[in-house]
Amino acid sequence: MAHITVDGTVLEVKEGTLLIEELLANKINIPHFCYHPALGKDGNCRMCMVEIEGQKRPQIACDTPIKDGMIIRTKGASIDRVKRSILELELINHPIDCPICDQAGECSLQNYYMDVGLYESRLSTPKTRGEKHVDLGANVVLDQERCVLCTRCVRFTKNITKTNELGVLSRADHSVITTFPGSKLSNPYAMNVVDLCPVGALTSKDFRFHKRVWFLHSEEAICNHCARGCSIFVDHHKEKYKDEMVYRYRPRLNEKINGYFICDEGRLSYTKENENADFNPLIRGMVSEYEYAEGKLLRLLKRYLGKMVFVISSNLSLEEMVRVQKLSKLYDGTLCAYEETRFDTHFGDDFLKCNDRSANARALPLLGINDSKGALQNALVAAELVVMVGRSDAQLLKSMEYTKSVVVLCSACEFTCKEVELVLPIASHTKREGSFINVDGYVQYSASAIKNEHGHKSLLAILAPILGDTLFTCKEVWEAELFFYEVLRELSFDSLKHTPKITL
C-alpha cells in the first residue's frame, strides 16, 4: 500500500494503480472524457490533468501510476486554468444546442463547463461543421458536431466486442468518428456506445426525443431476457392523466455478472412492459371484475382438489415459485415447469448472452420443481384443471386441444379464448419485486419499479389470502419459507444487495 496526499488529505491506496482510479474510488471529482474503467486509459482528452509535486508540468491522472509519498493537487488557480483551456479547445467547434440535445441533464461536457468553464467565446472564425444525423446502424445516431473524439466508442468495438466497426477518419479539427466503408454498427452490444459517450454525439433511436432525463426516476432491477440476469436501471415516468411508463433500460455496474454492459435485445425488452398493461380479467372470454375473478380462482381450486397441475414459468422469482409450490401442495396438485421455447441456440455468445432464455431456471432444481417434458405430459393426462402461472403458452394450450379446464395467471394476455376458464392478470416484471438465480449461481434482488395503474396485483398478493397468511412481500416470504432450503439458508434477504453466489 502507498500513502498519497490529495488536496491536503492523506489517502491509503494501492501502489502502482492508475491515479485516476484511486481518485474516483475515493469520490474525488476528476474531469475526464476518454478514460473509462472498462476501456482503460487512452490519454487523448487531457481533461484529467493534476499537479504533482516534483513534476515540471501537469500530468494526466489516467496514465500516472501511484507511488508512495506523492503530493497531488486537483484544484487551484493554475490547474483550473489548464482544465479551462482544454475545455475551451473541446468547445471550439461544439454546437450550442443543449436545449435540444438528448444528452442534456447527463452530459459530462455540460457538467465540466459549469465547474471550470463559464467564459466568453474567443473564436472569431467560423466553426468547423459536421454531419448532424449519421445513421450508424443498430439504433444508434451520430451527431459529428457534438463529438469530443474521446474514442470510447471506437475502443469498445475494438477491445470489447472485437467487431471493429468504428474508427476515426481524417485529421485535426476535421477528425470524425465513422464506420468503415461498407459496414454498419451491427454487433449485439452496439447500443452500449450510447452509454459510453460522455456527450450527446451518440444517441439511441429508441429513446431519442422521447423524454427529458430529469423527469425520469430510476430503480435497480435485473434483466429477465435470458439466464445471465444483467443488472440494470429501469427508468420510468408518469405523466399527468397517463399511465406510468418504462422509457428505457440502462446497464448497472455489477462486476460479478455484466460489468458495465448489457446486450441490445435485453435493453430493448422494456417495451414489453408497456404492452398489454391494461387488460382485464377474463372468464370464458368475457371481461370480469378483479375481485370476482379471484373468487372464481378459489372456487376452481376447491372444485378440482387433487386433480390439477400447476405449470409455472421459469421466469418467476424465487419467492413466487415457492408460494406456488405451497399452493400445489395445499390443493394436492402436481407442479411442473417445462418450457418448449426455453433454449435458443442462436441467441447465446461468449460474452453475456445465454442460450437459456429463462431468468430463473436455476431455482427449479433447488426448490425440487420438475422441469422435464415427460413429467408435464404425464401430469396433463391425469389432470382435470391446468393452472398456468406466469405464462400464457398458446402452443401448450393447443397441444391440450382445450380438453381440460384452464386457468391462466399472466402479465400479458396473448389470447381471449372462450375455452379458457379464467385469465387473471398479474403484475409484470418491472411492477413486482423478486429474487433470481442466474446461470452462474449469483442471487440478485430485482425491485419493483413502477406502480400498476390498473389494479393488477403481484402474484404474492393474489396467493397470500388463498394460502391463508399475510406474506405479501419478498422479504416476508424469504424469511418465512425460503430460509428452510439448505442451499439458501446461509443467505439473508438483506445480503442479496451484494450479489452472493450459491453452489448449483
Foldseek 3Di string as FASTA:
>chain_A
DAWEAEPRDIDDDDFFDQQVVVCVVVVNDFQDQQDDPVLADDPDLQRRWKDWPPDPDTDRRRPDTDDHYIYIYRDDDVNLVVNQVSLLVLCQQADPPLVQFQCNPQASNVVVCVVRNPDDRPDDDDHDADAQWDAQDPQKTFGFSHASPSCPLQSCCCPPVNPRQWDWDDDDSVIGIHGDPPDGQDDQFNCVVQVSRNHRGMDGNQQRPPDRQVQWDWFWFFQFQFQLGFIWIFTWHDDPPGAIATRWIAGDADVVGAGRTDTSVSGPPSVVQVPQLADAKAFLLHGDHQVVLLVVVLVVLVVFQLFEEEEEEQQDFLLLVVLVVVVCVVSNAAYEHADPCQADPVFDDDHHTDRGRGHANVVCVLSPHHHDPVVVVVSLVRHQEYEYEADDPVVVCVVSVLNHAYEYEYQHDPDSHSSHRIYAYARDDLQAKHWHAGPQQWIAIGHNHDHRPNPHYHSLVSSQVSSPHDQRHHQSSCVPPVCPRVQCVVDHPVCRVNRDGTDD
